[in-house]
Amino acid sequence: MSQIMLSIILDELRAKVSDLFGEQLESVILYGSHARGDARTDSDIDILIILLYDFDYFQMVNKVSYLTSEISLKYGVVISSAFITKEEFDQLRTPFLINIKQEGILV
């Protein structure tokens, strides 16, 4: 996937996530192979959605899965999403989050 196509997809994704969560949205971070610059043509797009307040995880999956499925079908890509609160992102030191903090790109 070209950088231009990735930018188009991420712009649309950011706009739709922002519409969905409004002021609760802190940020969207691209991580994984696309953030590192070593993505293959079949690589998925990994995003972390950071929210300001606590949330119900299963409700969040339901909300975002429709949105990501719609974009995935439109562009022929797979989008994988994860969720966390800003407080957890700032305080937790898991290998997953350390990796995102090192290589992630703010969308």
PDB file of N, CA and C in Angstrom:
ATOM      1  N   MET A   1       0.841  -1.174   0.000  1.00  0.00           N
ATOM      2  CA  MET A   1       0.000   0.000   0.000  1.00  0.00           C
ATOM      3  C   MET A   1       0.889   1.241   0.000  1.00  0.00           C
ATOM      4  N   SER A   2       0.543   2.192  -0.816  1.00  0.00           N
ATOM      5  CA  SER A   2       1.331   3.420  -0.886  1.00  0.00           C
ATOM      6  C   SER A   2       1.072   4.296   0.342  1.00  0.00           C
ATOM      7  N   GLN A   3       2.008   5.181   0.603  1.00  0.00           N
ATOM      8  CA  GLN A   3       1.859   6.120   1.719  1.00  0.00           C
ATOM      9  C   GLN A   3       0.656   7.032   1.496  1.00  0.00           C
ATOM     10  N   ILE A   4       0.408   7.388   0.249  1.00  0.00           N
ATOM     11  CA  ILE A   4      -0.740   8.247  -0.060  1.00  0.00           C
ATOM     12  C   ILE A   4      -2.037   7.530   0.289  1.00  0.00           C
ATOM     13  N   MET A   5      -2.156   6.259  -0.105  1.00  0.00           N
ATOM     14  CA  MET A   5      -3.365   5.491   0.207  1.00  0.00           C
ATOM     15  C   MET A   5      -3.509   5.309   1.710  1.00  0.00           C
ATOM     16  N   LEU A   6      -2.412   5.023   2.394  1.00  0.00           N
ATOM     17  CA  LEU A   6      -2.459   4.889   3.850  1.00  0.00           C
ATOM     18  C   LEU A   6      -2.936   6.185   4.488  1.00  0.00           C
ATOM     19  N   SER A   7      -2.452   7.315   4.012  1.00  0.00           N
ATOM     20  CA  SER A   7      -2.868   8.617   4.546  1.00  0.00           C
ATOM     21  C   SER A   7      -4.356   8.859   4.331  1.00  0.00           C
ATOM     22  N   ILE A   8      -4.856   8.496   3.160  1.00  0.00           N
ATOM     23  CA  ILE A   8      -6.285   8.663   2.859  1.00  0.00           C
ATOM     24  C   ILE A   8      -7.122   7.821   3.823  1.00  0.00           C
ATOM     25  N   ILE A   9      -6.724   6.572   4.005  1.00  0.00           N
ATOM     26  CA  ILE A   9      -7.453   5.673   4.904  1.00  0.00           C
ATOM     27  C   ILE A   9      -7.405   6.191   6.336  1.00  0.00           C
ATOM     28  N   LEU A  10      -6.233   6.604   6.792  1.00  0.00           N
ATOM     29  CA  LEU A  10      -6.097   7.091   8.169  1.00  0.00           C
ATOM     30  C   LEU A  10      -6.868   8.385   8.391  1.00  0.00           C
ATOM     31  N   ASP A  11      -6.893   9.268   7.401  1.00  0.00           N
ATOM     32  CA  ASP A  11      -7.674  10.505   7.522  1.00  0.00           C
ATOM     33  C   ASP A  11      -9.158  10.194   7.678  1.00  0.00           C
ATOM     34  N   GLU A  12      -9.655   9.269   6.856  1.00  0.00           N
ATOM     35  CA  GLU A  12     -11.066   8.893   6.947  1.00  0.00           C
ATOM     36  C   GLU A  12     -11.360   8.205   8.276  1.00  0.00           C
ATOM     37  N   LEU A  13     -10.471   7.333   8.680  1.00  0.00           N
ATOM     38  CA  LEU A  13     -10.635   6.626   9.947  1.00  0.00           C
ATOM     39  C   LEU A  13     -10.648   7.601  11.117  1.00  0.00           C
ATOM     40  N   ARG A  14      -9.716   8.528  11.135  1.00  0.00           N
ATOM     41  CA  ARG A  14      -9.641   9.523  12.212  1.00  0.00           C
ATOM     42  C   ARG A  14     -10.927  10.351  12.261  1.00  0.00           C
ATOM     43  N   ALA A  15     -11.412  10.788  11.121  1.00  0.00           N
ATOM     44  CA  ALA A  15     -12.629  11.600  11.072  1.00  0.00           C
ATOM     45  C   ALA A  15     -13.829  10.825  11.613  1.00  0.00           C
ATOM     46  N   LYS A  16     -13.958   9.567  11.223  1.00  0.00           N
ATOM     47  CA  LYS A  16     -15.104   8.770  11.672  1.00  0.00           C
ATOM     48  C   LYS A  16     -15.008   8.423  13.155  1.00  0.00           C
ATOM     49  N   VAL A  17     -13.809   8.140  13.630  1.00  0.00           N
ATOM     50  CA  VAL A  17     -13.623   7.860  15.057  1.00  0.00           C
ATOM     51  C   VAL A  17     -13.916   9.125  15.865  1.00  0.00           C
ATOM     52  N   SER A  18     -13.479  10.263  15.359  1.00  0.00           N
ATOM     53  CA  SER A  18     -13.742  11.537  16.026  1.00  0.00           C
ATOM     54  C   SER A  18     -15.241  11.831  16.077  1.00  0.00           C
ATOM     55  N   ASP A  19     -15.940  11.577  14.980  1.00  0.00           N
ATOM     56  CA  ASP A  19     -17.399  11.758  14.962  1.00  0.00           C
ATOM     57  C   ASP A  19     -18.079  10.827  15.958  1.00  0.00           C
ATOM     58  N   LEU A  20     -17.587   9.608  16.056  1.00  0.00           N
ATOM     59  CA  LEU A  20     -18.187   8.605  16.929  1.00  0.00           C
ATOM     60  C   LEU A  20     -18.007   8.943  18.404  1.00  0.00           C
ATOM     61  N   PHE A  21     -16.817   9.388  18.784  1.00  0.00           N
ATOM     62  CA  PHE A  21     -16.518   9.591  20.204  1.00  0.00           C
ATOM     63  C   PHE A  21     -16.524  11.046  20.657  1.00  0.00           C
ATOM     64  N   GLY A  22     -16.451  11.968  19.744  1.00  0.00           N
ATOM     65  CA  GLY A  22     -16.496  13.378  20.103  1.00  0.00           C
ATOM     66  C   GLY A  22     -15.407  13.755  21.089  1.00  0.00           C
ATOM     67  N   GLU A  23     -15.813  14.456  22.133  1.00  0.00           N
ATOM     68  CA  GLU A  23     -14.852  14.968  23.112  1.00  0.00           C
ATOM     69  C   GLU A  23     -14.214  13.879  23.961  1.00  0.00           C
ATOM     70  N   GLN A  24     -14.756  12.678  23.935  1.00  0.00           N
ATOM     71  CA  GLN A  24     -14.150  11.584  24.701  1.00  0.00           C
ATOM     72  C   GLN A  24     -12.855  11.088  24.044  1.00  0.00           C
ATOM     73  N   LEU A  25     -12.671  11.382  22.769  1.00  0.00           N
ATOM     74  CA  LEU A  25     -11.484  10.914  22.055  1.00  0.00           C
ATOM     75  C   LEU A  25     -10.271  11.750  22.431  1.00  0.00           C
ATOM     76  N   GLU A  26      -9.252  11.083  22.922  1.00  0.00           N
ATOM     77  CA  GLU A  26      -7.968  11.736  23.202  1.00  0.00           C
ATOM     78  C   GLU A  26      -7.080  11.693  21.960  1.00  0.00           C
ATOM     79  N   SER A  27      -6.884  10.494  21.399  1.00  0.00           N
ATOM     80  CA  SER A  27      -6.037  10.387  20.215  1.00  0.00           C
ATOM     81  C   SER A  27      -6.195   9.028  19.542  1.00  0.00           C
ATOM     82  N   VAL A  28      -5.704   8.970  18.324  1.00  0.00           N
ATOM     83  CA  VAL A  28      -5.636   7.731  17.554  1.00  0.00           C
ATOM     84  C   VAL A  28      -4.174   7.568  17.144  1.00  0.00           C
ATOM     85  N   ILE A  29      -3.614   6.393  17.423  1.00  0.00           N
ATOM     86  CA  ILE A  29      -2.205   6.146  17.135  1.00  0.00           C
ATOM     87  C   ILE A  29      -2.077   4.951  16.190  1.00  0.00           C
ATOM     88  N   LEU A  30      -1.327   5.151  15.131  1.00  0.00           N
ATOM     89  CA  LEU A  30      -0.971   4.064  14.220  1.00  0.00           C
ATOM     90  C   LEU A  30       0.251   3.367  14.796  1.00  0.00           C
ATOM     91  N   TYR A  31       0.200   2.047  14.862  1.00  0.00           N
ATOM     92  CA  TYR A  31       1.364   1.294  15.329  1.00  0.00           C
ATOM     93  C   TYR A  31       1.540   0.065  14.439  1.00  0.00           C
ATOM     94  N   GLY A  32       2.561  -0.707  14.698  1.00  0.00           N
ATOM     95  CA  GLY A  32       2.796  -1.919  13.918  1.00  0.00           C
ATOM     96  C   GLY A  32       3.602  -1.646  12.661  1.00  0.00           C
ATOM     97  N   SER A  33       3.458  -2.536  11.694  1.00  0.00           N
ATOM     98  CA  SER A  33       4.315  -2.498  10.504  1.00  0.00           C
ATOM     99  C   SER A  33       4.171  -1.214   9.693  1.00  0.00           C
ATOM    100  N   HIS A  34       2.965  -0.655   9.614  1.00  0.00           N
ATOM    101  CA  HIS A  34       2.799   0.593   8.861  1.00  0.00           C
ATOM    102  C   HIS A  34       3.498   1.747   9.561  1.00  0.00           C
ATOM    103  N   ALA A  35       3.492   1.769  10.876  1.00  0.00           N
ATOM    104  CA  ALA A  35       4.190   2.819  11.620  1.00  0.00           C
ATOM    105  C   ALA A  35       5.704   2.662  11.491  1.00  0.00           C
ATOM    106  N   ARG A  36       6.167   1.417  11.475  1.00  0.00           N
ATOM    107  CA  ARG A  36       7.611   1.162  11.363  1.00  0.00           C
ATOM    108  C   ARG A  36       8.127   1.357   9.941  1.00  0.00           C
ATOM    109  N   GLY A  37       7.216   1.297   8.964  1.00  0.00           N
ATOM    110  CA  GLY A  37       7.627   1.431   7.577  1.00  0.00           C
ATOM    111  C   GLY A  37       8.045   0.124   6.928  1.00  0.00           C
ATOM    112  N   ASP A  38       7.682  -1.004   7.557  1.00  0.00           N
ATOM    113  CA  ASP A  38       8.045  -2.295   6.964  1.00  0.00           C
ATOM    114  C   ASP A  38       6.815  -3.143   6.618  1.00  0.00           C
ATOM    115  N   ALA A  39       5.720  -2.470   6.313  1.00  0.00           N
ATOM    116  CA  ALA A  39       4.482  -3.173   5.967  1.00  0.00           C
ATOM    117  C   ALA A  39       4.599  -3.837   4.599  1.00  0.00           C
ATOM    118  N   ARG A  40       3.957  -4.995   4.487  1.00  0.00           N
ATOM    119  CA  ARG A  40       3.838  -5.687   3.200  1.00  0.00           C
ATOM    120  C   ARG A  40       2.477  -5.328   2.602  1.00  0.00           C
ATOM    121  N   THR A  41       2.236  -5.784   1.402  1.00  0.00           N
ATOM    122  CA  THR A  41       0.962  -5.470   0.749  1.00  0.00           C
ATOM    123  C   THR A  41      -0.227  -6.064   1.498  1.00  0.00           C
ATOM    124  N   ASP A  42      -0.014  -7.172   2.220  1.00  0.00           N
ATOM    125  CA  ASP A  42      -1.113  -7.807   2.947  1.00  0.00           C
ATOM    126  C   ASP A  42      -1.135  -7.451   4.437  1.00  0.00           C
ATOM    127  N   SER A  43      -0.330  -6.479   4.850  1.00  0.00           N
ATOM    128  CA  SER A  43      -0.294  -6.089   6.266  1.00  0.00           C
ATOM    129  C   SER A  43      -1.574  -5.366   6.666  1.00  0.00           C
ATOM    130  N   ASP A  44      -2.009  -5.618   7.897  1.00  0.00           N
ATOM    131  CA  ASP A  44      -3.171  -4.895   8.394  1.00  0.00           C
ATOM    132  C   ASP A  44      -2.740  -3.523   8.902  1.00  0.00           C
ATOM    133  N   ILE A  45      -3.728  -2.685   9.170  1.00  0.00           N
ATOM    134  CA  ILE A  45      -3.488  -1.358   9.733  1.00  0.00           C
ATOM    135  C   ILE A  45      -3.873  -1.440  11.202  1.00  0.00           C
ATOM    136  N   ASP A  46      -2.899  -1.229  12.080  1.00  0.00           N
ATOM    137  CA  ASP A  46      -3.119  -1.330  13.521  1.00  0.00           C
ATOM    138  C   ASP A  46      -3.280   0.057  14.117  1.00  0.00           C
ATOM    139  N   ILE A  47      -4.387   0.253  14.839  1.00  0.00           N
ATOM    140  CA  ILE A  47      -4.594   1.545  15.495  1.00  0.00           C
ATOM    141  C   ILE A  47      -4.950   1.340  16.961  1.00  0.00           C
ATOM    142  N   LEU A  48      -4.504   2.279  17.764  1.00  0.00           N
ATOM    143  CA  LEU A  48      -4.879   2.333  19.171  1.00  0.00           C
ATOM    144  C   LEU A  48      -5.725   3.577  19.354  1.00  0.00           C
ATOM    145  N   ILE A  49      -6.916   3.397  19.911  1.00  0.00           N
ATOM    146  CA  ILE A  49      -7.820   4.509  20.192  1.00  0.00           C
ATOM    147  C   ILE A  49      -7.722   4.806  21.685  1.00  0.00           C
ATOM    148  N   ILE A  50      -7.331   6.031  22.009  1.00  0.00           N
ATOM    149  CA  ILE A  50      -7.180   6.434  23.408  1.00  0.00           C
ATOM    150  C   ILE A  50      -8.344   7.349  23.767  1.00  0.00           C
ATOM    151  N   LEU A  51      -9.085   6.948  24.807  1.00  0.00           N
ATOM    152  CA  LEU A  51     -10.255   7.702  25.250  1.00  0.00           C
ATOM    153  C   LEU A  51      -9.993   8.329  26.614  1.00  0.00           C
ATOM    154  N   LEU A  52     -10.646   9.439  26.871  1.00  0.00           N
ATOM    155  CA  LEU A  52     -10.417  10.166  28.116  1.00  0.00           C
ATOM    156  C   LEU A  52     -11.032   9.488  29.327  1.00  0.00           C
ATOM    157  N   TYR A  53     -12.125   8.759  29.133  1.00  0.00           N
ATOM    158  CA  TYR A  53     -12.869   8.209  30.262  1.00  0.00           C
ATOM    159  C   TYR A  53     -12.979   6.692  30.163  1.00  0.00           C
ATOM    160  N   ASP A  54     -13.337   6.078  31.278  1.00  0.00           N
ATOM    161  CA  ASP A  54     -13.573   4.636  31.293  1.00  0.00           C
ATOM    162  C   ASP A  54     -14.678   4.279  30.299  1.00  0.00           C
ATOM    163  N   PHE A  55     -14.644   3.061  29.823  1.00  0.00           N
ATOM    164  CA  PHE A  55     -15.623   2.610  28.836  1.00  0.00           C
ATOM    165  C   PHE A  55     -15.865   1.123  29.002  1.00  0.00           C
ATOM    166  N   ASP A  56     -16.985   0.674  28.464  1.00  0.00           N
ATOM    167  CA  ASP A  56     -17.314  -0.746  28.421  1.00  0.00           C
ATOM    168  C   ASP A  56     -16.648  -1.331  27.174  1.00  0.00           C
ATOM    169  N   TYR A  57     -15.720  -2.258  27.375  1.00  0.00           N
ATOM    170  CA  TYR A  57     -14.915  -2.774  26.268  1.00  0.00           C
ATOM    171  C   TYR A  57     -15.770  -3.414  25.174  1.00  0.00           C
ATOM    172  N   PHE A  58     -16.734  -4.227  25.544  1.00  0.00           N
ATOM    173  CA  PHE A  58     -17.548  -4.921  24.541  1.00  0.00           C
ATOM    174  C   PHE A  58     -18.429  -3.950  23.765  1.00  0.00           C
ATOM    175  N   GLN A  59     -18.914  -2.941  24.443  1.00  0.00           N
ATOM    176  CA  GLN A  59     -19.692  -1.913  23.760  1.00  0.00           C
ATOM    177  C   GLN A  59     -18.798  -1.151  22.769  1.00  0.00           C
ATOM    178  N   MET A  60     -17.563  -0.916  23.181  1.00  0.00           N
ATOM    179  CA  MET A  60     -16.608  -0.226  22.324  1.00  0.00           C
ATOM    180  C   MET A  60     -16.310  -1.047  21.072  1.00  0.00           C
ATOM    181  N   VAL A  61     -16.104  -2.333  21.235  1.00  0.00           N
ATOM    182  CA  VAL A  61     -15.840  -3.210  20.089  1.00  0.00           C
ATOM    183  C   VAL A  61     -17.012  -3.153  19.114  1.00  0.00           C
ATOM    184  N   ASN A  62     -18.223  -3.196  19.629  1.00  0.00           N
ATOM    185  CA  ASN A  62     -19.401  -3.133  18.760  1.00  0.00           C
ATOM    186  C   ASN A  62     -19.471  -1.818  17.997  1.00  0.00           C
ATOM    187  N   LYS A  63     -19.174  -0.715  18.672  1.00  0.00           N
ATOM    188  CA  LYS A  63     -19.228   0.597  18.023  1.00  0.00           C
ATOM    189  C   LYS A  63     -18.197   0.713  16.908  1.00  0.00           C
ATOM    190  N   VAL A  64     -16.987   0.299  17.200  1.00  0.00           N
ATOM    191  CA  VAL A  64     -15.885   0.519  16.270  1.00  0.00           C
ATOM    192  C   VAL A  64     -15.832  -0.543  15.172  1.00  0.00           C
ATOM    193  N   SER A  65     -16.302  -1.751  15.444  1.00  0.00           N
ATOM    194  CA  SER A  65     -16.194  -2.810  14.435  1.00  0.00           C
ATOM    195  C   SER A  65     -16.991  -2.476  13.174  1.00  0.00           C
ATOM    196  N   TYR A  66     -18.140  -1.861  13.319  1.00  0.00           N
ATOM    197  CA  TYR A  66     -18.910  -1.469  12.140  1.00  0.00           C
ATOM    198  C   TYR A  66     -18.129  -0.446  11.321  1.00  0.00           C
ATOM    199  N   LEU A  67     -17.593   0.544  12.004  1.00  0.00           N
ATOM    200  CA  LEU A  67     -16.834   1.609  11.351  1.00  0.00           C
ATOM    201  C   LEU A  67     -15.601   1.058  10.624  1.00  0.00           C
ATOM    202  N   THR A  68     -14.821   0.232  11.310  1.00  0.00           N
ATOM    203  CA  THR A  68     -13.606  -0.309  10.692  1.00  0.00           C
ATOM    204  C   THR A  68     -13.946  -1.294   9.568  1.00  0.00           C
ATOM    205  N   SER A  69     -15.024  -2.041   9.723  1.00  0.00           N
ATOM    206  CA  SER A  69     -15.448  -2.964   8.654  1.00  0.00           C
ATOM    207  C   SER A  69     -15.825  -2.199   7.397  1.00  0.00           C
ATOM    208  N   GLU A  70     -16.529  -1.109   7.576  1.00  0.00           N
ATOM    209  CA  GLU A  70     -16.939  -0.280   6.446  1.00  0.00           C
ATOM    210  C   GLU A  70     -15.714   0.242   5.677  1.00  0.00           C
ATOM    211  N   ILE A  71     -14.733   0.751   6.402  1.00  0.00           N
ATOM    212  CA  ILE A  71     -13.520   1.271   5.760  1.00  0.00           C
ATOM    213  C   ILE A  71     -12.700   0.128   5.164  1.00  0.00           C
ATOM    214  N   SER A  72     -12.633  -0.988   5.873  1.00  0.00           N
ATOM    215  CA  SER A  72     -11.896  -2.155   5.372  1.00  0.00           C
ATOM    216  C   SER A  72     -12.447  -2.621   4.030  1.00  0.00           C
ATOM    217  N   LEU A  73     -13.759  -2.714   3.928  1.00  0.00           N
ATOM    218  CA  LEU A  73     -14.384  -3.147   2.673  1.00  0.00           C
ATOM    219  C   LEU A  73     -14.188  -2.124   1.561  1.00  0.00           C
ATOM    220  N   LYS A  74     -14.269  -0.869   1.910  1.00  0.00           N
ATOM    221  CA  LYS A  74     -14.116   0.201   0.921  1.00  0.00           C
ATOM    222  C   LYS A  74     -12.730   0.185   0.278  1.00  0.00           C
ATOM    223  N   TYR A  75     -11.690  -0.061   1.094  1.00  0.00           N
ATOM    224  CA  TYR A  75     -10.315   0.030   0.598  1.00  0.00           C
ATOM    225  C   TYR A  75      -9.610  -1.321   0.453  1.00  0.00           C
ATOM    226  N   GLY A  76     -10.265  -2.401   0.837  1.00  0.00           N
ATOM    227  CA  GLY A  76      -9.651  -3.717   0.707  1.00  0.00           C
ATOM    228  C   GLY A  76      -8.486  -3.951   1.649  1.00  0.00           C
ATOM    229  N   VAL A  77      -8.603  -3.433   2.868  1.00  0.00           N
ATOM    230  CA  VAL A  77      -7.562  -3.606   3.889  1.00  0.00           C
ATOM    231  C   VAL A  77      -8.204  -4.128   5.167  1.00  0.00           C
ATOM    232  N   VAL A  78      -7.382  -4.650   6.048  1.00  0.00           N
ATOM    233  CA  VAL A  78      -7.862  -5.074   7.360  1.00  0.00           C
ATOM    234  C   VAL A  78      -7.391  -4.040   8.374  1.00  0.00           C
ATOM    235  N   ILE A  79      -8.315  -3.570   9.201  1.00  0.00           N
ATOM    236  CA  ILE A  79      -7.981  -2.611  10.247  1.00  0.00           C
ATOM    237  C   ILE A  79      -8.199  -3.288  11.590  1.00  0.00           C
ATOM    238  N   SER A  80      -7.156  -3.311  12.395  1.00  0.00           N
ATOM    239  CA  SER A  80      -7.228  -3.879  13.741  1.00  0.00           C
ATOM    240  C   SER A  80      -7.178  -2.730  14.733  1.00  0.00           C
ATOM    241  N   SER A  81      -8.110  -2.745  15.686  1.00  0.00           N
ATOM    242  CA  SER A  81      -8.147  -1.647  16.648  1.00  0.00           C
ATOM    243  C   SER A  81      -8.063  -2.162  18.076  1.00  0.00           C
ATOM    244  N   ALA A  82      -7.432  -1.358  18.906  1.00  0.00           N
ATOM    245  CA  ALA A  82      -7.348  -1.612  20.341  1.00  0.00           C
ATOM    246  C   ALA A  82      -7.774  -0.323  21.039  1.00  0.00           C
ATOM    247  N   PHE A  83      -8.185  -0.450  22.291  1.00  0.00           N
ATOM    248  CA  PHE A  83      -8.716   0.691  23.030  1.00  0.00           C
ATOM    249  C   PHE A  83      -8.073   0.767  24.404  1.00  0.00           C
ATOM    250  N   ILE A  84      -7.934   1.987  24.902  1.00  0.00           N
ATOM    251  CA  ILE A  84      -7.378   2.183  26.234  1.00  0.00           C
ATOM    252  C   ILE A  84      -7.760   3.586  26.701  1.00  0.00           C
ATOM    253  N   THR A  85      -7.798   3.783  28.001  1.00  0.00           N
ATOM    254  CA  THR A  85      -8.025   5.137  28.509  1.00  0.00           C
ATOM    255  C   THR A  85      -6.697   5.886  28.541  1.00  0.00           C
ATOM    256  N   LYS A  86      -6.776   7.197  28.554  1.00  0.00           N
ATOM    257  CA  LYS A  86      -5.566   8.017  28.623  1.00  0.00           C
ATOM    258  C   LYS A  86      -4.793   7.715  29.898  1.00  0.00           C
ATOM    259  N   GLU A  87      -5.510   7.555  30.998  1.00  0.00           N
ATOM    260  CA  GLU A  87      -4.853   7.256  32.272  1.00  0.00           C
ATOM    261  C   GLU A  87      -4.066   5.947  32.188  1.00  0.00           C
ATOM    262  N   GLU A  88      -4.673   4.920  31.628  1.00  0.00           N
ATOM    263  CA  GLU A  88      -3.979   3.635  31.482  1.00  0.00           C
ATOM    264  C   GLU A  88      -2.781   3.766  30.539  1.00  0.00           C
ATOM    265  N   PHE A  89      -2.963   4.484  29.451  1.00  0.00           N
ATOM    266  CA  PHE A  89      -1.874   4.666  28.492  1.00  0.00           C
ATOM    267  C   PHE A  89      -0.689   5.374  29.145  1.00  0.00           C
ATOM    268  N   ASP A  90      -0.983   6.368  29.972  1.00  0.00           N
ATOM    269  CA  ASP A  90       0.078   7.125  30.642  1.00  0.00           C
ATOM    270  C   ASP A  90       0.763   6.333  31.749  1.00  0.00           C
ATOM    271  N   GLN A  91       0.015   5.452  32.423  1.00  0.00           N
ATOM    272  CA  GLN A  91       0.550   4.795  33.615  1.00  0.00           C
ATOM    273  C   GLN A  91       1.069   3.377  33.391  1.00  0.00           C
ATOM    274  N   LEU A  92       0.431   2.618  32.527  1.00  0.00           N
ATOM    275  CA  LEU A  92       0.829   1.223  32.349  1.00  0.00           C
ATOM    276  C   LEU A  92       2.128   1.113  31.553  1.00  0.00           C
ATOM    277  N   ARG A  93       2.919   0.101  31.882  1.00  0.00           N
ATOM    278  CA  ARG A  93       4.209  -0.114  31.217  1.00  0.00           C
ATOM    279  C   ARG A  93       4.296  -1.534  30.649  1.00  0.00           C
ATOM    280  N   THR A  94       3.263  -1.958  29.953  1.00  0.00           N
ATOM    281  CA  THR A  94       3.278  -3.288  29.348  1.00  0.00           C
ATOM    282  C   THR A  94       4.157  -3.252  28.096  1.00  0.00           C
ATOM    283  N   PRO A  95       4.686  -4.400  27.683  1.00  0.00           N
ATOM    284  CA  PRO A  95       5.478  -4.428  26.442  1.00  0.00           C
ATOM    285  C   PRO A  95       4.699  -3.875  25.238  1.00  0.00           C
ATOM    286  N   PHE A  96       3.420  -4.178  25.167  1.00  0.00           N
ATOM    287  CA  PHE A  96       2.567  -3.683  24.085  1.00  0.00           C
ATOM    288  C   PHE A  96       2.568  -2.159  24.050  1.00  0.00           C
ATOM    289  N   LEU A  97       2.343  -1.529  25.199  1.00  0.00           N
ATOM    290  CA  LEU A  97       2.269  -0.070  25.243  1.00  0.00           C
ATOM    291  C   LEU A  97       3.638   0.580  25.086  1.00  0.00           C
ATOM    292  N   ILE A  98       4.662  -0.040  25.627  1.00  0.00           N
ATOM    293  CA  ILE A  98       6.021   0.487  25.443  1.00  0.00           C
ATOM    294  C   ILE A  98       6.355   0.520  23.954  1.00  0.00           C
ATOM    295  N   ASN A  99       5.998  -0.542  23.253  1.00  0.00           N
ATOM    296  CA  ASN A  99       6.226  -0.617  21.812  1.00  0.00           C
ATOM    297  C   ASN A  99       5.474   0.493  21.074  1.00  0.00           C
ATOM    298  N   ILE A 100       4.227   0.700  21.422  1.00  0.00           N
ATOM    299  CA  ILE A 100       3.431   1.746  20.770  1.00  0.00           C
ATOM    300  C   ILE A 100       4.020   3.122  21.061  1.00  0.00           C
ATOM    301  N   LYS A 101       4.446   3.352  22.293  1.00  0.00           N
ATOM    302  CA  LYS A 101       5.034   4.652  22.643  1.00  0.00           C
ATOM    303  C   LYS A 101       6.334   4.902  21.890  1.00  0.00           C
ATOM    304  N   GLN A 102       7.060   3.846  21.576  1.00  0.00           N
ATOM    305  CA  GLN A 102       8.330   3.998  20.859  1.00  0.00           C
ATOM    306  C   GLN A 102       8.140   4.179  19.358  1.00  0.00           C
ATOM    307  N   GLU A 103       7.211   3.437  18.762  1.00  0.00           N
ATOM    308  CA  GLU A 103       7.107   3.457  17.303  1.00  0.00           C
ATOM    309  C   GLU A 103       5.805   4.042  16.770  1.00  0.00           C
ATOM    310  N   GLY A 104       4.860   4.327  17.657  1.00  0.00           N
ATOM    311  CA  GLY A 104       3.556   4.796  17.208  1.00  0.00           C
ATOM    312  C   GLY A 104       3.596   6.173  16.566  1.00  0.00           C
ATOM    313  N   ILE A 105       2.640   6.397  15.683  1.00  0.00           N
ATOM    314  CA  ILE A 105       2.507   7.674  14.981  1.00  0.00           C
ATOM    315  C   ILE A 105       1.104   8.211  15.246  1.00  0.00           C
ATOM    316  N   LEU A 106       1.028   9.432  15.741  1.00  0.00           N
ATOM    317  CA  LEU A 106      -0.255  10.070  15.996  1.00  0.00           C
ATOM    318  C   LEU A 106      -0.970  10.313  14.675  1.00  0.00           C
ATOM    319  N   VAL A 107      -2.233   9.907  14.611  1.00  0.00           N
ATOM    320  CA  VAL A 107      -3.026  10.078  13.384  1.00  0.00           C
ATOM    321  C   VAL A 107      -3.793  11.382  13.477  1.00  0.00           C
TER     322      VAL A 107
END
